[in-house]
């Protein structure tokens, strides 16, 4: 393992590359990264990179976002098949048809799109949000417009609760957060009655309503760090987040909330990125994210929503 770490470090220097890794990547990849973060933090970090090459260890939509914000840089993704169930649940042609249907009904709306979506969907949007800034962006949508929120119905429902804005919700969900078991969560809470439960807003309402704190991954880190005394936390989000929590606030104890079908919830798309694939993409300079026409419009929306 030490050899491949050293090999990647040498290749990173040779290729003048910066590695950006999402919190849902394996800890061994996060440990190598120059930047770690949630989608919002990585998007902003991508605009600060001095190196001519960015290696995005995450999923495809994140690499697209890094490319649209850095048209002149080479953006690599260790595995081009690292997709996202949320992005796949909202194809751009289907969204365009639904928007036309709403317009034909005479409805005035703005489309607010979760960043877990393709560039083509972002190009059809008025706003792009992450779980970290969604409330602030929704406050910018004029009250005379309805909000069409895509693609995550659970995050949309949560945002309806906290903002008071009624929304038209696209019927999409994250395969990881969809399958948390509320029965197993309640069993864990009985076993650890003093534990605090933290949940991502992509979780269904039955998980959120049994949680002490609901927030994106960056907000989770701030929340647990605010407790000086050791605590037990039950964590309802992708299991690799525990590595980051243990790294940032090691005095606490963390317990993954099980899913319905398995002992932990790991994103199979994130898991496609490995140390070997990270090394190989630096060796060969591929897979590379190519610029596409829809990136122009998508970039404008992303910059207005996430960077200003």
Protein backbone atom coordinates (compact mmCIF):
# COMPACT_ATOMS: atom_id res chain seq x y z
CA UNK A 1 0.00 0.00 0.00
CA UNK A 2 2.87 2.37 0.81
CA UNK A 3 4.25 1.85 -2.69
CA UNK A 4 1.05 2.94 -4.45
CA UNK A 5 0.77 6.00 -2.18
CA UNK A 6 4.31 7.01 -3.12
CA UNK A 7 3.61 6.28 -6.78
CA UNK A 8 0.55 8.52 -6.78
CA UNK A 9 2.40 11.33 -5.01
CA UNK A 10 5.19 11.15 -7.62
CA UNK A 11 2.69 11.11 -10.51
CA UNK A 12 0.79 14.02 -8.98
CA UNK A 13 3.98 16.07 -8.96
CA UNK A 14 4.95 14.97 -12.48
CA UNK A 15 1.52 15.80 -13.93
CA UNK A 16 1.11 19.00 -11.89
CA UNK A 17 -2.19 17.70 -10.56
CA UNK A 18 -4.42 18.49 -7.61
CA UNK A 19 -6.61 15.75 -6.16
CA UNK A 20 -10.11 16.68 -4.98
CA UNK A 21 -12.00 13.98 -3.04
CA UNK A 22 -15.57 13.85 -1.81
CA UNK A 23 -16.32 12.85 1.78
CA UNK A 24 -17.96 9.67 0.46
CA UNK A 25 -14.71 8.35 -0.99
CA UNK A 26 -12.73 5.67 0.84
CA UNK A 27 -10.52 7.11 3.57
CA UNK A 28 -7.35 6.02 1.76
CA UNK A 29 -8.28 8.33 -1.14
CA UNK A 30 -9.33 11.20 1.13
CA UNK A 31 -5.96 10.91 2.88
CA UNK A 32 -4.15 11.56 -0.42
CA UNK A 33 -6.33 14.47 -1.49
CA UNK A 34 -5.30 18.12 -1.61
CA UNK A 35 -8.94 19.09 -0.97
CA UNK A 36 -11.76 17.12 0.64
CA UNK A 37 -15.32 18.30 0.93
CA UNK A 38 -18.98 18.09 0.08
CA UNK A 39 -20.21 19.09 -3.38
CA UNK A 40 -20.32 22.80 -2.54
CA UNK A 41 -16.85 22.86 -0.98
CA UNK A 42 -15.35 20.90 -3.91
CA UNK A 43 -16.98 23.17 -6.49
CA UNK A 44 -15.52 26.20 -4.76
CA UNK A 45 -12.15 24.49 -4.26
CA UNK A 46 -11.98 23.71 -7.98
CA UNK A 47 -11.87 27.44 -8.73
CA UNK A 48 -8.81 27.90 -6.50
CA UNK A 49 -6.61 25.17 -7.96
CA UNK A 50 -3.36 26.47 -9.44
CA UNK A 51 -2.29 23.21 -11.09
CA UNK A 52 -3.25 22.59 -14.73
CA UNK A 53 -4.77 19.17 -13.92
CA UNK A 54 -7.61 18.34 -11.52
CA UNK A 55 -8.33 14.75 -10.54
CA UNK A 56 -11.86 14.60 -9.16
CA UNK A 57 -12.35 11.59 -6.91
CA UNK A 58 -16.10 11.51 -6.72
CA UNK A 59 -18.81 10.90 -9.28
CA UNK A 60 -19.39 12.09 -12.82
CA UNK A 61 -21.50 15.19 -12.12
CA UNK A 62 -18.79 16.50 -9.77
CA UNK A 63 -16.14 16.15 -12.47
CA UNK A 64 -18.45 17.94 -14.92
CA UNK A 65 -18.84 20.79 -12.44
CA UNK A 66 -15.07 21.04 -11.97
CA UNK A 67 -14.62 21.18 -15.75
CA UNK A 68 -17.28 23.80 -16.39
CA UNK A 69 -15.69 26.01 -13.72
CA UNK A 70 -12.20 25.42 -15.20
CA UNK A 71 -12.58 25.24 -19.00
CA UNK A 72 -8.83 25.53 -19.61
CA UNK A 73 -7.81 22.80 -17.14
CA UNK A 74 -7.61 19.07 -17.71
CA UNK A 75 -10.15 17.34 -15.46
CA UNK A 76 -9.76 13.61 -14.86
CA UNK A 77 -12.15 11.15 -13.23
CA UNK A 78 -10.61 7.84 -12.14
CA UNK A 79 -13.63 5.84 -13.35
CA UNK A 80 -15.94 7.33 -15.99
CA UNK A 81 -18.69 4.94 -14.91
CA UNK A 82 -18.88 6.51 -11.43
CA UNK A 83 -22.39 7.85 -11.83
CA UNK A 84 -25.17 8.93 -9.48
CA UNK A 85 -28.62 7.43 -8.96
CA UNK A 86 -30.06 10.91 -8.40
CA UNK A 87 -28.61 12.27 -11.65
CA UNK A 88 -29.86 9.21 -13.52
CA UNK A 89 -33.39 9.68 -12.10
CA UNK A 90 -33.80 12.98 -13.96
CA UNK A 91 -32.81 12.78 -17.65
CA UNK A 92 -32.64 16.18 -19.34
CA UNK A 93 -35.20 15.33 -22.10
CA UNK A 94 -37.76 14.23 -19.47
CA UNK A 95 -37.21 17.41 -17.46
CA UNK A 96 -37.56 19.58 -20.58
CA UNK A 97 -40.89 17.88 -21.42
CA UNK A 98 -42.21 18.40 -17.90
CA UNK A 99 -41.18 22.07 -17.92
CA UNK A 100 -43.04 22.54 -21.21
CA UNK A 101 -46.11 20.88 -19.72
CA UNK A 102 -46.06 23.28 -16.77
CA UNK A 103 -45.66 26.27 -19.07
CA UNK A 104 -48.57 25.05 -21.21
CA UNK A 105 -50.68 25.05 -18.04
CA UNK A 106 -49.76 28.71 -17.55
CA UNK A 107 -47.73 28.10 -14.42
CA UNK A 108 -44.90 30.48 -13.58
CA UNK A 109 -42.03 28.65 -11.95
CA UNK A 110 -38.30 28.56 -11.52
CA UNK A 111 -36.36 25.30 -11.57
CA UNK A 112 -34.12 24.72 -8.56
CA UNK A 113 -31.80 21.78 -9.20
CA UNK A 114 -29.79 19.80 -6.70
CA UNK A 115 -26.15 19.63 -7.77
CA UNK A 116 -26.49 15.82 -8.05
CA UNK A 117 -27.57 16.18 -11.68
CA UNK A 118 -26.08 16.19 -15.15
CA UNK A 119 -24.74 19.31 -16.84
CA UNK A 120 -27.61 19.05 -19.33
CA UNK A 121 -30.13 19.27 -16.47
CA UNK A 122 -28.24 22.16 -14.87
CA UNK A 123 -28.47 23.96 -18.22
CA UNK A 124 -32.29 23.73 -18.01
CA UNK A 125 -32.28 25.22 -14.50
CA UNK A 126 -32.57 28.65 -12.94
CA UNK A 127 -30.64 27.71 -9.82
CA UNK A 128 -28.32 24.93 -8.68
CA UNK A 129 -28.09 24.10 -4.97
CA UNK A 130 -26.24 21.79 -2.62
CA UNK A 131 -27.51 20.55 0.72
CA UNK A 132 -25.19 23.15 2.23
CA UNK A 133 -26.65 26.25 0.55
CA UNK A 134 -30.16 25.23 -0.57
CA UNK A 135 -32.02 27.30 2.02
CA UNK A 136 -30.10 30.46 1.13
CA UNK A 137 -30.64 30.00 -2.61
CA UNK A 138 -34.35 29.23 -2.25
CA UNK A 139 -34.71 32.53 -0.37
CA UNK A 140 -33.53 34.20 -3.60
CA UNK A 141 -36.40 32.78 -5.66
CA UNK A 142 -39.08 35.52 -6.00
CA UNK A 143 -42.30 34.61 -4.17
CA UNK A 144 -44.43 35.03 -7.32
CA UNK A 145 -42.78 31.93 -8.81
CA UNK A 146 -43.52 28.34 -7.95
CA UNK A 147 -40.46 26.18 -7.37
CA UNK A 148 -39.86 23.05 -9.38
CA UNK A 149 -37.31 21.13 -7.31
CA UNK A 150 -35.35 18.34 -8.99
CA UNK A 151 -34.33 15.59 -8.70
CA UNK A 152 -34.43 14.58 -4.99
CA UNK A 153 -37.92 14.37 -3.51
CA UNK A 154 -36.63 13.79 0.03
CA UNK A 155 -34.35 16.81 0.05
CA UNK A 156 -37.17 18.80 -1.58
CA UNK A 157 -39.62 17.74 1.13
CA UNK A 158 -37.12 18.71 3.82
CA UNK A 159 -36.63 22.11 2.19
CA UNK A 160 -40.39 22.62 2.06
CA UNK A 161 -40.44 22.07 5.83
CA UNK A 162 -37.60 24.45 6.68
CA UNK A 163 -38.37 27.23 4.17
CA UNK A 164 -42.18 27.13 4.11
CA UNK A 165 -42.15 27.19 0.31
CA UNK A 166 -44.45 24.71 -1.42
CA UNK A 167 -42.64 22.95 -4.24
CA UNK A 168 -43.30 20.77 -7.23
CA UNK A 169 -41.11 17.77 -6.44
CA UNK A 170 -39.46 15.54 -9.03
CA UNK A 171 -39.76 11.87 -8.07
CA UNK A 172 -36.07 11.03 -7.62
CA UNK A 173 -34.02 9.77 -4.70
CA UNK A 174 -30.51 8.70 -3.72
CA UNK A 175 -30.13 4.92 -3.65
CA UNK A 176 -27.89 5.15 -0.58
CA UNK A 177 -30.09 7.40 1.56
CA UNK A 178 -33.37 5.84 0.40
CA UNK A 179 -32.74 2.50 2.08
CA UNK A 180 -31.84 3.43 5.65
CA UNK A 181 -33.83 1.23 8.00
CA UNK A 182 -35.92 3.17 10.51
CA UNK A 183 -36.43 -0.05 12.53
CA UNK A 184 -32.67 -0.53 12.82
CA UNK A 185 -32.25 3.14 13.72
CA UNK A 186 -34.80 2.79 16.52
CA UNK A 187 -33.07 -0.39 17.71
CA UNK A 188 -29.74 1.48 17.81
CA UNK A 189 -31.35 4.32 19.74
CA UNK A 190 -32.69 1.84 22.31
CA UNK A 191 -29.22 0.30 22.66
CA UNK A 192 -27.54 3.73 22.89
CA UNK A 193 -30.23 5.92 24.47
CA UNK A 194 -27.88 8.88 25.02
CA UNK A 195 -26.61 8.91 21.42
CA UNK A 196 -27.45 11.77 19.10
CA UNK A 197 -28.66 10.94 15.59
CA UNK A 198 -27.40 12.99 12.65
CA UNK A 199 -28.98 12.52 9.22
CA UNK A 200 -28.47 13.86 5.72
CA UNK A 201 -31.52 15.67 4.28
CA UNK A 202 -31.51 13.18 1.38
CA UNK A 203 -32.88 10.64 3.90
CA UNK A 204 -36.63 9.90 3.89
CA UNK A 205 -38.85 11.72 6.38
CA UNK A 206 -39.14 8.69 8.70
CA UNK A 207 -35.36 8.86 9.31
CA UNK A 208 -35.25 12.66 9.58
CA UNK A 209 -38.05 12.78 12.15
CA UNK A 210 -36.08 10.53 14.49
CA UNK A 211 -32.91 12.62 14.15
CA UNK A 212 -31.45 15.24 16.47
CA UNK A 213 -29.73 17.05 13.62
CA UNK A 214 -30.37 17.14 9.87
CA UNK A 215 -27.80 18.68 7.57
CA UNK A 216 -25.34 18.14 4.76
CA UNK A 217 -21.96 16.57 5.37
CA UNK A 218 -20.19 19.88 6.06
CA UNK A 219 -22.89 20.81 8.56
CA UNK A 220 -22.52 17.40 10.22
CA UNK A 221 -18.81 18.06 10.75
CA UNK A 222 -19.52 21.42 12.36
CA UNK A 223 -22.25 19.93 14.55
CA UNK A 224 -20.19 17.09 16.03
CA UNK A 225 -17.17 19.38 16.52
CA UNK A 226 -19.34 21.69 18.64
CA UNK A 227 -19.46 19.06 21.41
CA UNK A 228 -16.34 19.13 23.57
CA UNK A 229 -17.21 16.07 25.65
CA UNK A 230 -17.15 12.61 24.01
CA UNK A 231 -20.52 11.59 22.60
CA UNK A 232 -22.05 8.72 20.67
CA UNK A 233 -23.42 9.70 17.27
CA UNK A 234 -25.65 7.58 15.05
CA UNK A 235 -24.84 8.58 11.48
CA UNK A 236 -27.39 8.29 8.67
CA UNK A 237 -25.44 9.04 5.53
CA UNK A 238 -22.92 7.27 3.28
CA UNK A 239 -20.68 5.10 5.44
CA UNK A 240 -17.36 6.62 4.31
CA UNK A 241 -18.42 9.84 6.05
CA UNK A 242 -17.40 8.14 9.29
CA UNK A 243 -13.74 8.38 8.24
CA UNK A 244 -14.02 12.14 7.90
CA UNK A 245 -15.95 12.48 11.18
CA UNK A 246 -13.34 10.40 13.02
CA UNK A 247 -10.59 12.46 11.40
CA UNK A 248 -12.08 15.85 12.35
CA UNK A 249 -13.58 15.00 15.75
CA UNK A 250 -11.81 11.84 16.96
CA UNK A 251 -12.93 12.18 20.59
CA UNK A 252 -16.46 11.02 19.70
CA UNK A 253 -17.79 7.54 18.88
CA UNK A 254 -19.64 7.06 15.59
CA UNK A 255 -22.10 4.33 14.62
CA UNK A 256 -23.37 3.84 11.08
CA UNK A 257 -27.14 3.48 10.79
CA UNK A 258 -27.73 0.24 8.88
CA UNK A 259 -29.59 -0.02 5.62
CA UNK A 260 -32.44 -2.39 4.90
CA UNK A 261 -30.37 -4.85 2.89
CA UNK A 262 -26.86 -4.57 4.35
CA UNK A 263 -24.84 -3.67 7.41
CA UNK A 264 -23.74 -0.30 6.04
CA UNK A 265 -24.62 2.13 3.28
CA UNK A 266 -21.81 2.62 0.80
CA UNK A 267 -22.37 4.30 -2.56
CA UNK A 268 -21.43 1.76 -5.26
CA UNK A 269 -20.66 4.61 -7.68
CA UNK A 270 -18.22 6.30 -5.30
CA UNK A 271 -16.66 2.89 -4.66
CA UNK A 272 -15.69 2.58 -8.32
CA UNK A 273 -12.82 4.98 -7.65
CA UNK A 274 -9.85 3.09 -6.21
CA UNK A 275 -6.19 3.88 -5.54
CA UNK A 276 -5.25 1.81 -8.60
CA UNK A 277 -7.63 3.74 -10.86
CA UNK A 278 -6.43 7.04 -9.39
CA UNK A 279 -2.85 6.04 -10.22
CA UNK A 280 -3.78 4.86 -13.72
CA UNK A 281 -5.66 8.02 -14.65
CA UNK A 282 -2.55 10.02 -13.75
CA UNK A 283 -0.35 7.66 -15.77
CA UNK A 284 -2.53 7.76 -18.90
CA UNK A 285 -4.24 11.17 -18.62
CA UNK A 286 -7.68 9.64 -18.94
CA UNK A 287 -10.61 9.35 -18.49
CA UNK A 288 -10.83 13.08 -19.17
CA UNK A 289 -13.99 15.17 -19.02
CA UNK A 290 -14.46 16.81 -22.42
CA UNK A 291 -16.12 20.20 -22.83
CA UNK A 292 -19.67 19.98 -24.16
CA UNK A 293 -22.00 22.72 -25.50
CA UNK A 294 -24.39 22.57 -22.52
CA UNK A 295 -21.50 23.45 -20.18
CA UNK A 296 -21.74 27.13 -21.19
CA UNK A 297 -25.29 27.61 -19.87
CA UNK A 298 -24.72 25.22 -16.93
CA UNK A 299 -21.62 27.13 -15.89
CA UNK A 300 -23.54 30.41 -15.77
CA UNK A 301 -26.17 28.86 -13.46
CA UNK A 302 -23.58 27.16 -11.24
CA UNK A 303 -21.50 30.30 -10.82
CA UNK A 304 -24.52 32.44 -9.98
CA UNK A 305 -25.83 29.87 -7.51
CA UNK A 306 -22.72 28.54 -5.78
CA UNK A 307 -20.01 31.16 -6.12
CA UNK A 308 -21.88 34.42 -5.48
